[in-house]
Amino acid sequence: MKYASDIFSYWIITWFLIYIILRQYNINIPSPKFLIFLGIIINTYTLIKIILNNNPFNYIIKFIIVIIITKLIPFYFVYKDKIKVTDILYSILLFLIYLLYVFIRYQNPLDTLSKSQNRLITNKADSPIITLLNKLF
């Protein structure tokens, strides 16, 4: 298992991109703002754990860059959206589909997500974005 927790972030980014594109054509779909906001909270918690785990400064900076790219920039584009009940329901549905995907692919979702979170905190993250940043810096 390489990066199960990141997979959901990419699903959210995909939803965000579809949402932004369709919004340009006045096609309404539920906003991903709720999940992006939750992602910011979870990533902030993870960042604090990364800092408290005495990880190298450059790893902390890379993780902050990931938060900016995957959460803060998308949030900037949807921050004016009001979170509606349908947004929350679609967020829950997407998360349940994600859990089903993790279960089918990796068997135990909680164990898989726990291991993925632990890899982030212990400077062993190997997600595509972190891997790219490692090559650049």
Foldseek 3Di string as FASTA:
>chain_A
DAALPVVVLVVLVVVLVVQVVVVVVVDDDAHSLVVLVVVLVVLVVLLVLLVVLVDDPVLSVLSVVVNCVRRVVSCVVCVVPDHDPNNVVVVVVSVVVSQVVCCVVPNDSVVVVVVNSVCSSVVNHDDPSSVVVVVVD
